[in-house]
Amino acid sequence: MLRAMKAVSLAAFLLASVALALAPAASTIYREAYPVEAVKRAALAACAETDRGFDRLIAGQRAQCYARRLQAPQTPEKVPRSEQLARAEL
């Protein structure tokens, strides 16, 4: 009986150790799969709606989704001030 209790205690200890070791990885995956940023959240939702095979838990699929959905903001063309003034005079 004492041996069985030792085995159960050891198994419980090992299980708790594994759970504690995996907790940071699971937390990171969850944060990346369900981001706080509204733009990323919307991009993942749109990818899930359009592609039924999309899995937000897979980092590569998230990266492809962001590449397709998140566009770099358009920056206005920089025009020298002298050219702006010349255009205004016309």
PDB file of N, CA and C in Angstrom:
ATOM      1  N   MET A   1       0.819  -1.198   0.000  1.00  0.00           N
ATOM      2  CA  MET A   1       0.000   0.000   0.000  1.00  0.00           C
ATOM      3  C   MET A   1       0.867   1.268   0.000  1.00  0.00           C
ATOM      4  N   LEU A   2       1.932   1.221   0.777  1.00  0.00           N
ATOM      5  CA  LEU A   2       2.825   2.371   0.857  1.00  0.00           C
ATOM      6  C   LEU A   2       3.515   2.615  -0.479  1.00  0.00           C
ATOM      7  N   ARG A   3       3.868   1.534  -1.159  1.00  0.00           N
ATOM      8  CA  ARG A   3       4.492   1.662  -2.475  1.00  0.00           C
ATOM      9  C   ARG A   3       3.548   2.313  -3.488  1.00  0.00           C
ATOM     10  N   ALA A   4       2.292   1.951  -3.463  1.00  0.00           N
ATOM     11  CA  ALA A   4       1.303   2.519  -4.377  1.00  0.00           C
ATOM     12  C   ALA A   4       1.134   4.013  -4.114  1.00  0.00           C
ATOM     13  N   MET A   5       1.141   4.398  -2.854  1.00  0.00           N
ATOM     14  CA  MET A   5       0.996   5.823  -2.515  1.00  0.00           C
ATOM     15  C   MET A   5       2.216   6.610  -2.977  1.00  0.00           C
ATOM     16  N   LYS A   6       3.403   6.003  -2.848  1.00  0.00           N
ATOM     17  CA  LYS A   6       4.613   6.662  -3.328  1.00  0.00           C
ATOM     18  C   LYS A   6       4.549   6.846  -4.841  1.00  0.00           C
ATOM     19  N   ALA A   7       4.085   5.817  -5.541  1.00  0.00           N
ATOM     20  CA  ALA A   7       3.989   5.882  -7.000  1.00  0.00           C
ATOM     21  C   ALA A   7       2.990   6.959  -7.422  1.00  0.00           C
ATOM     22  N   VAL A   8       1.872   7.040  -6.741  1.00  0.00           N
ATOM     23  CA  VAL A   8       0.859   8.048  -7.057  1.00  0.00           C
ATOM     24  C   VAL A   8       1.409   9.447  -6.770  1.00  0.00           C
ATOM     25  N   SER A   9       2.103   9.601  -5.648  1.00  0.00           N
ATOM     26  CA  SER A   9       2.689  10.899  -5.311  1.00  0.00           C
ATOM     27  C   SER A   9       3.731  11.310  -6.343  1.00  0.00           C
ATOM     28  N   LEU A  10       4.575  10.360  -6.741  1.00  0.00           N
ATOM     29  CA  LEU A  10       5.599  10.656  -7.741  1.00  0.00           C
ATOM     30  C   LEU A  10       4.959  11.031  -9.077  1.00  0.00           C
ATOM     31  N   ALA A  11       3.937  10.301  -9.483  1.00  0.00           N
ATOM     32  CA  ALA A  11       3.249  10.597 -10.740  1.00  0.00           C
ATOM     33  C   ALA A  11       2.605  11.980 -10.682  1.00  0.00           C
ATOM     34  N   ALA A  12       1.991  12.324  -9.567  1.00  0.00           N
ATOM     35  CA  ALA A  12       1.359  13.635  -9.414  1.00  0.00           C
ATOM     36  C   ALA A  12       2.416  14.737  -9.465  1.00  0.00           C
ATOM     37  N   PHE A  13       3.568  14.497  -8.824  1.00  0.00           N
ATOM     38  CA  PHE A  13       4.637  15.478  -8.838  1.00  0.00           C
ATOM     39  C   PHE A  13       5.168  15.680 -10.257  1.00  0.00           C
ATOM     40  N   LEU A  14       5.380  14.599 -10.980  1.00  0.00           N
ATOM     41  CA  LEU A  14       5.869  14.688 -12.350  1.00  0.00           C
ATOM     42  C   LEU A  14       4.862  15.401 -13.250  1.00  0.00           C
ATOM     43  N   LEU A  15       3.596  15.091 -13.095  1.00  0.00           N
ATOM     44  CA  LEU A  15       2.550  15.742 -13.884  1.00  0.00           C
ATOM     45  C   LEU A  15       2.505  17.240 -13.597  1.00  0.00           C
ATOM     46  N   ALA A  16       2.606  17.619 -12.318  1.00  0.00           N
ATOM     47  CA  ALA A  16       2.610  19.039 -11.958  1.00  0.00           C
ATOM     48  C   ALA A  16       3.843  19.732 -12.525  1.00  0.00           C
ATOM     49  N   SER A  17       4.984  19.055 -12.513  1.00  0.00           N
ATOM     50  CA  SER A  17       6.214  19.638 -13.062  1.00  0.00           C
ATOM     51  C   SER A  17       6.086  19.901 -14.552  1.00  0.00           C
ATOM     52  N   VAL A  18       5.534  18.944 -15.275  1.00  0.00           N
ATOM     53  CA  VAL A  18       5.342  19.115 -16.714  1.00  0.00           C
ATOM     54  C   VAL A  18       4.368  20.261 -16.989  1.00  0.00           C
ATOM     55  N   ALA A  19       3.288  20.326 -16.232  1.00  0.00           N
ATOM     56  CA  ALA A  19       2.305  21.397 -16.423  1.00  0.00           C
ATOM     57  C   ALA A  19       2.933  22.769 -16.173  1.00  0.00           C
ATOM     58  N   LEU A  20       3.748  22.872 -15.134  1.00  0.00           N
ATOM     59  CA  LEU A  20       4.415  24.150 -14.850  1.00  0.00           C
ATOM     60  C   LEU A  20       5.439  24.505 -15.916  1.00  0.00           C
ATOM     61  N   ALA A  21       6.093  23.508 -16.468  1.00  0.00           N
ATOM     62  CA  ALA A  21       7.089  23.764 -17.509  1.00  0.00           C
ATOM     63  C   ALA A  21       6.437  24.225 -18.801  1.00  0.00           C
ATOM     64  N   LEU A  22       5.251  23.714 -19.095  1.00  0.00           N
ATOM     65  CA  LEU A  22       4.569  24.050 -20.350  1.00  0.00           C
ATOM     66  C   LEU A  22       3.703  25.300 -20.257  1.00  0.00           C
ATOM     67  N   ALA A  23       3.435  25.782 -19.071  1.00  0.00           N
ATOM     68  CA  ALA A  23       2.541  26.935 -18.894  1.00  0.00           C
ATOM     69  C   ALA A  23       3.014  28.176 -19.651  1.00  0.00           C
ATOM     70  N   PRO A  24       4.295  28.565 -19.596  1.00  0.00           N
ATOM     71  CA  PRO A  24       4.702  29.769 -20.349  1.00  0.00           C
ATOM     72  C   PRO A  24       4.521  29.613 -21.855  1.00  0.00           C
ATOM     73  N   ALA A  25       4.809  28.437 -22.389  1.00  0.00           N
ATOM     74  CA  ALA A  25       4.646  28.222 -23.829  1.00  0.00           C
ATOM     75  C   ALA A  25       3.172  28.311 -24.215  1.00  0.00           C
ATOM     76  N   ALA A  26       2.318  27.708 -23.411  1.00  0.00           N
ATOM     77  CA  ALA A  26       0.887  27.752 -23.697  1.00  0.00           C
ATOM     78  C   ALA A  26       0.361  29.179 -23.604  1.00  0.00           C
ATOM     79  N   SER A  27       0.855  29.926 -22.654  1.00  0.00           N
ATOM     80  CA  SER A  27       0.433  31.315 -22.497  1.00  0.00           C
ATOM     81  C   SER A  27       0.852  32.153 -23.708  1.00  0.00           C
ATOM     82  N   THR A  28       2.062  31.940 -24.195  1.00  0.00           N
ATOM     83  CA  THR A  28       2.557  32.673 -25.361  1.00  0.00           C
ATOM     84  C   THR A  28       1.738  32.338 -26.600  1.00  0.00           C
ATOM     85  N   ILE A  29       1.465  31.075 -26.808  1.00  0.00           N
ATOM     86  CA  ILE A  29       0.669  30.656 -27.967  1.00  0.00           C
ATOM     87  C   ILE A  29      -0.716  31.282 -27.904  1.00  0.00           C
ATOM     88  N   TYR A  30      -1.325  31.281 -26.724  1.00  0.00           N
ATOM     89  CA  TYR A  30      -2.657  31.859 -26.576  1.00  0.00           C
ATOM     90  C   TYR A  30      -2.634  33.355 -26.877  1.00  0.00           C
ATOM     91  N   ARG A  31      -1.629  34.070 -26.328  1.00  0.00           N
ATOM     92  CA  ARG A  31      -1.543  35.523 -26.574  1.00  0.00           C
ATOM     93  C   ARG A  31      -1.377  35.835 -28.049  1.00  0.00           C
ATOM     94  N   GLU A  32      -0.598  35.015 -28.759  1.00  0.00           N
ATOM     95  CA  GLU A  32      -0.384  35.260 -30.180  1.00  0.00           C
ATOM     96  C   GLU A  32      -1.603  34.863 -31.019  1.00  0.00           C
ATOM     97  N   ALA A  33      -2.313  33.825 -30.594  1.00  0.00           N
ATOM     98  CA  ALA A  33      -3.479  33.370 -31.349  1.00  0.00           C
ATOM     99  C   ALA A  33      -4.695  34.263 -31.115  1.00  0.00           C
ATOM    100  N   TYR A  34      -4.760  34.911 -29.971  1.00  0.00           N
ATOM    101  CA  TYR A  34      -5.876  35.802 -29.636  1.00  0.00           C
ATOM    102  C   TYR A  34      -5.306  37.146 -29.187  1.00  0.00           C
ATOM    103  N   PRO A  35      -4.790  37.950 -30.146  1.00  0.00           N
ATOM    104  CA  PRO A  35      -4.098  39.198 -29.795  1.00  0.00           C
ATOM    105  C   PRO A  35      -5.038  40.255 -29.231  1.00  0.00           C
ATOM    106  N   VAL A  36      -4.448  41.145 -28.465  1.00  0.00           N
ATOM    107  CA  VAL A  36      -5.202  42.261 -27.877  1.00  0.00           C
ATOM    108  C   VAL A  36      -5.433  43.355 -28.915  1.00  0.00           C
ATOM    109  N   GLU A  37      -4.464  43.525 -29.837  1.00  0.00           N
ATOM    110  CA  GLU A  37      -4.580  44.583 -30.835  1.00  0.00           C
ATOM    111  C   GLU A  37      -5.777  44.331 -31.741  1.00  0.00           C
ATOM    112  N   ALA A  38      -6.627  45.325 -31.881  1.00  0.00           N
ATOM    113  CA  ALA A  38      -7.860  45.187 -32.662  1.00  0.00           C
ATOM    114  C   ALA A  38      -7.589  44.867 -34.131  1.00  0.00           C
ATOM    115  N   VAL A  39      -6.543  45.458 -34.691  1.00  0.00           N
ATOM    116  CA  VAL A  39      -6.240  45.244 -36.112  1.00  0.00           C
ATOM    117  C   VAL A  39      -5.856  43.778 -36.353  1.00  0.00           C
ATOM    118  N   LYS A  40      -5.007  43.238 -35.486  1.00  0.00           N
ATOM    119  CA  LYS A  40      -4.605  41.837 -35.632  1.00  0.00           C
ATOM    120  C   LYS A  40      -5.783  40.897 -35.375  1.00  0.00           C
ATOM    121  N   ARG A  41      -6.598  41.234 -34.387  1.00  0.00           N
ATOM    122  CA  ARG A  41      -7.773  40.415 -34.081  1.00  0.00           C
ATOM    123  C   ARG A  41      -8.717  40.367 -35.276  1.00  0.00           C
ATOM    124  N   ALA A  42      -8.931  41.515 -35.905  1.00  0.00           N
ATOM    125  CA  ALA A  42      -9.807  41.585 -37.075  1.00  0.00           C
ATOM    126  C   ALA A  42      -9.222  40.817 -38.251  1.00  0.00           C
ATOM    127  N   ALA A  43      -7.895  40.903 -38.433  1.00  0.00           N
ATOM    128  CA  ALA A  43      -7.248  40.177 -39.527  1.00  0.00           C
ATOM    129  C   ALA A  43      -7.410  38.671 -39.343  1.00  0.00           C
ATOM    130  N   LEU A  44      -7.197  38.179 -38.131  1.00  0.00           N
ATOM    131  CA  LEU A  44      -7.347  36.744 -37.879  1.00  0.00           C
ATOM    132  C   LEU A  44      -8.804  36.300 -38.057  1.00  0.00           C
ATOM    133  N   ALA A  45      -9.734  37.130 -37.636  1.00  0.00           N
ATOM    134  CA  ALA A  45     -11.147  36.793 -37.805  1.00  0.00           C
ATOM    135  C   ALA A  45     -11.505  36.723 -39.291  1.00  0.00           C
ATOM    136  N   ALA A  46     -10.988  37.662 -40.073  1.00  0.00           N
ATOM    137  CA  ALA A  46     -11.267  37.668 -41.514  1.00  0.00           C
ATOM    138  C   ALA A  46     -10.654  36.434 -42.177  1.00  0.00           C
ATOM    139  N   CYS A  47      -9.452  36.065 -41.789  1.00  0.00           N
ATOM    140  CA  CYS A  47      -8.818  34.871 -42.363  1.00  0.00           C
ATOM    141  C   CYS A  47      -9.611  33.621 -42.005  1.00  0.00           C
ATOM    142  N   ALA A  48     -10.113  33.556 -40.780  1.00  0.00           N
ATOM    143  CA  ALA A  48     -10.899  32.394 -40.358  1.00  0.00           C
ATOM    144  C   ALA A  48     -12.212  32.298 -41.127  1.00  0.00           C
ATOM    145  N   GLU A  49     -12.798  33.453 -41.450  1.00  0.00           N
ATOM    146  CA  GLU A  49     -14.064  33.451 -42.194  1.00  0.00           C
ATOM    147  C   GLU A  49     -13.875  33.035 -43.642  1.00  0.00           C
ATOM    148  N   THR A  50     -12.785  33.491 -44.246  1.00  0.00           N
ATOM    149  CA  THR A  50     -12.592  33.218 -45.680  1.00  0.00           C
ATOM    150  C   THR A  50     -11.935  31.874 -45.953  1.00  0.00           C
ATOM    151  N   ASP A  51     -11.178  31.351 -44.995  1.00  0.00           N
ATOM    152  CA  ASP A  51     -10.464  30.088 -45.190  1.00  0.00           C
ATOM    153  C   ASP A  51     -10.817  29.136 -44.051  1.00  0.00           C
ATOM    154  N   ARG A  52     -11.642  28.147 -44.340  1.00  0.00           N
ATOM    155  CA  ARG A  52     -12.081  27.205 -43.300  1.00  0.00           C
ATOM    156  C   ARG A  52     -10.941  26.325 -42.788  1.00  0.00           C
ATOM    157  N   GLY A  53      -9.841  26.244 -43.527  1.00  0.00           N
ATOM    158  CA  GLY A  53      -8.695  25.455 -43.092  1.00  0.00           C
ATOM    159  C   GLY A  53      -7.713  26.258 -42.244  1.00  0.00           C
ATOM    160  N   PHE A  54      -8.011  27.538 -42.030  1.00  0.00           N
ATOM    161  CA  PHE A  54      -7.120  28.413 -41.262  1.00  0.00           C
ATOM    162  C   PHE A  54      -7.120  28.007 -39.795  1.00  0.00           C
ATOM    163  N   ASP A  55      -5.915  27.882 -39.229  1.00  0.00           N
ATOM    164  CA  ASP A  55      -5.769  27.539 -37.818  1.00  0.00           C
ATOM    165  C   ASP A  55      -4.920  28.612 -37.157  1.00  0.00           C
ATOM    166  N   ARG A  56      -5.542  29.418 -36.332  1.00  0.00           N
ATOM    167  CA  ARG A  56      -4.843  30.547 -35.724  1.00  0.00           C
ATOM    168  C   ARG A  56      -3.788  30.125 -34.717  1.00  0.00           C
ATOM    169  N   LEU A  57      -3.776  28.861 -34.307  1.00  0.00           N
ATOM    170  CA  LEU A  57      -2.756  28.391 -33.371  1.00  0.00           C
ATOM    171  C   LEU A  57      -1.431  28.087 -34.055  1.00  0.00           C
ATOM    172  N   ILE A  58      -1.417  28.015 -35.373  1.00  0.00           N
ATOM    173  CA  ILE A  58      -0.192  27.722 -36.120  1.00  0.00           C
ATOM    174  C   ILE A  58       0.451  29.050 -36.525  1.00  0.00           C
ATOM    175  N   ALA A  59       1.675  29.255 -36.044  1.00  0.00           N
ATOM    176  CA  ALA A  59       2.362  30.540 -36.244  1.00  0.00           C
ATOM    177  C   ALA A  59       2.535  30.882 -37.721  1.00  0.00           C
ATOM    178  N   GLY A  60       2.846  29.910 -38.551  1.00  0.00           N
ATOM    179  CA  GLY A  60       3.032  30.171 -39.983  1.00  0.00           C
ATOM    180  C   GLY A  60       1.763  30.650 -40.651  1.00  0.00           C
ATOM    181  N   GLN A  61       0.643  30.083 -40.261  1.00  0.00           N
ATOM    182  CA  GLN A  61      -0.631  30.519 -40.847  1.00  0.00           C
ATOM    183  C   GLN A  61      -0.991  31.919 -40.367  1.00  0.00           C
ATOM    184  N   ARG A  62      -0.691  32.227 -39.103  1.00  0.00           N
ATOM    185  CA  ARG A  62      -0.930  33.594 -38.616  1.00  0.00           C
ATOM    186  C   ARG A  62      -0.076  34.585 -39.393  1.00  0.00           C
ATOM    187  N   ALA A  63       1.192  34.243 -39.622  1.00  0.00           N
ATOM    188  CA  ALA A  63       2.097  35.145 -40.348  1.00  0.00           C
ATOM    189  C   ALA A  63       1.596  35.384 -41.776  1.00  0.00           C
ATOM    190  N   GLN A  64       1.138  34.320 -42.445  1.00  0.00           N
ATOM    191  CA  GLN A  64       0.595  34.479 -43.798  1.00  0.00           C
ATOM    192  C   GLN A  64      -0.656  35.339 -43.777  1.00  0.00           C
ATOM    193  N   CYS A  65      -1.488  35.148 -42.782  1.00  0.00           N
ATOM    194  CA  CYS A  65      -2.716  35.942 -42.660  1.00  0.00           C
ATOM    195  C   CYS A  65      -2.374  37.420 -42.489  1.00  0.00           C
ATOM    196  N   TYR A  66      -1.429  37.715 -41.587  1.00  0.00           N
ATOM    197  CA  TYR A  66      -1.040  39.107 -41.375  1.00  0.00           C
ATOM    198  C   TYR A  66      -0.437  39.700 -42.651  1.00  0.00           C
ATOM    199  N   ALA A  67       0.347  38.908 -43.374  1.00  0.00           N
ATOM    200  CA  ALA A  67       0.955  39.407 -44.613  1.00  0.00           C
ATOM    201  C   ALA A  67      -0.113  39.764 -45.641  1.00  0.00           C
ATOM    202  N   ARG A  68      -1.187  38.977 -45.688  1.00  0.00           N
ATOM    203  CA  ARG A  68      -2.262  39.253 -46.645  1.00  0.00           C
ATOM    204  C   ARG A  68      -3.163  40.385 -46.186  1.00  0.00           C
ATOM    205  N   ARG A  69      -3.467  40.425 -44.903  1.00  0.00           N
ATOM    206  CA  ARG A  69      -4.488  41.358 -44.401  1.00  0.00           C
ATOM    207  C   ARG A  69      -3.962  42.694 -43.905  1.00  0.00           C
ATOM    208  N   LEU A  70      -2.758  42.699 -43.362  1.00  0.00           N
ATOM    209  CA  LEU A  70      -2.235  43.940 -42.802  1.00  0.00           C
ATOM    210  C   LEU A  70      -1.362  44.631 -43.836  1.00  0.00           C
ATOM    211  N   GLN A  71      -1.811  45.748 -44.294  1.00  0.00           N
ATOM    212  CA  GLN A  71      -1.079  46.522 -45.286  1.00  0.00           C
ATOM    213  C   GLN A  71      -0.284  47.608 -44.565  1.00  0.00           C
ATOM    214  N   ALA A  72       0.882  47.890 -45.067  1.00  0.00           N
ATOM    215  CA  ALA A  72       1.660  49.002 -44.516  1.00  0.00           C
ATOM    216  C   ALA A  72       0.918  50.297 -44.838  1.00  0.00           C
ATOM    217  N   PRO A  73       0.877  51.206 -43.899  1.00  0.00           N
ATOM    218  CA  PRO A  73       0.171  52.459 -44.164  1.00  0.00           C
ATOM    219  C   PRO A  73       0.816  53.210 -45.317  1.00  0.00           C
ATOM    220  N   GLN A  74      -0.025  53.835 -46.125  1.00  0.00           N
ATOM    221  CA  GLN A  74       0.452  54.613 -47.264  1.00  0.00           C
ATOM    222  C   GLN A  74       1.078  55.906 -46.741  1.00  0.00           C
ATOM    223  N   THR A  75       2.311  56.136 -47.113  1.00  0.00           N
ATOM    224  CA  THR A  75       2.962  57.373 -46.707  1.00  0.00           C
ATOM    225  C   THR A  75       2.908  58.343 -47.877  1.00  0.00           C
ATOM    226  N   PRO A  76       2.553  59.566 -47.596  1.00  0.00           N
ATOM    227  CA  PRO A  76       2.475  60.543 -48.684  1.00  0.00           C
ATOM    228  C   PRO A  76       3.860  60.793 -49.270  1.00  0.00           C
ATOM    229  N   GLU A  77       3.857  61.117 -50.540  1.00  0.00           N
ATOM    230  CA  GLU A  77       5.116  61.402 -51.225  1.00  0.00           C
ATOM    231  C   GLU A  77       5.707  62.680 -50.652  1.00  0.00           C
ATOM    232  N   LYS A  78       6.982  62.621 -50.329  1.00  0.00           N
ATOM    233  CA  LYS A  78       7.639  63.814 -49.778  1.00  0.00           C
ATOM    234  C   LYS A  78       8.070  64.712 -50.932  1.00  0.00           C
ATOM    235  N   VAL A  79       7.551  65.921 -50.897  1.00  0.00           N
ATOM    236  CA  VAL A  79       7.856  66.900 -51.939  1.00  0.00           C
ATOM    237  C   VAL A  79       8.625  68.035 -51.272  1.00  0.00           C
ATOM    238  N   PRO A  80       9.745  68.411 -51.846  1.00  0.00           N
ATOM    239  CA  PRO A  80      10.504  69.531 -51.260  1.00  0.00           C
ATOM    240  C   PRO A  80       9.639  70.786 -51.177  1.00  0.00           C
ATOM    241  N   ARG A  81       9.888  71.583 -50.161  1.00  0.00           N
ATOM    242  CA  ARG A  81       9.100  72.796 -49.930  1.00  0.00           C
ATOM    243  C   ARG A  81       9.167  73.738 -51.127  1.00  0.00           C
ATOM    244  N   SER A  82      10.320  73.849 -51.754  1.00  0.00           N
ATOM    245  CA  SER A  82      10.448  74.762 -52.911  1.00  0.00           C
ATOM    246  C   SER A  82       9.531  74.315 -54.044  1.00  0.00           C
ATOM    247  N   GLU A  83       9.391  73.004 -54.211  1.00  0.00           N
ATOM    248  CA  GLU A  83       8.513  72.490 -55.266  1.00  0.00           C
ATOM    249  C   GLU A  83       7.042  72.713 -54.899  1.00  0.00           C
ATOM    250  N   GLN A  84       6.727  72.616 -53.621  1.00  0.00           N
ATOM    251  CA  GLN A  84       5.358  72.884 -53.183  1.00  0.00           C
ATOM    252  C   GLN A  84       4.992  74.328 -53.464  1.00  0.00           C
ATOM    253  N   LEU A  85       5.920  75.234 -53.185  1.00  0.00           N
ATOM    254  CA  LEU A  85       5.665  76.655 -53.431  1.00  0.00           C
ATOM    255  C   LEU A  85       5.522  76.926 -54.920  1.00  0.00           C
ATOM    256  N   ALA A  86       6.344  76.273 -55.735  1.00  0.00           N
ATOM    257  CA  ALA A  86       6.271  76.473 -57.182  1.00  0.00           C
ATOM    258  C   ALA A  86       4.918  75.967 -57.706  1.00  0.00           C
ATOM    259  N   ARG A  87       4.434  74.871 -57.169  1.00  0.00           N
ATOM    260  CA  ARG A  87       3.126  74.345 -57.598  1.00  0.00           C
ATOM    261  C   ARG A  87       2.009  75.285 -57.185  1.00  0.00           C
ATOM    262  N   ALA A  88       2.165  75.889 -55.991  1.00  0.00           N
ATOM    263  CA  ALA A  88       1.124  76.785 -55.479  1.00  0.00           C
ATOM    264  C   ALA A  88       1.040  78.057 -56.310  1.00  0.00           C
ATOM    265  N   GLU A  89       2.142  78.493 -56.890  1.00  0.00           N
ATOM    266  CA  GLU A  89       2.153  79.723 -57.674  1.00  0.00           C
ATOM    267  C   GLU A  89       1.444  79.520 -59.027  1.00  0.00           C
ATOM    268  N   LEU A  90       1.354  78.299 -59.471  1.00  0.00           N
ATOM    269  CA  LEU A  90       0.712  78.052 -60.779  1.00  0.00           C
ATOM    270  C   LEU A  90      -0.729  78.246 -60.631  1.00  0.00           C
TER     271      LEU A  90
END
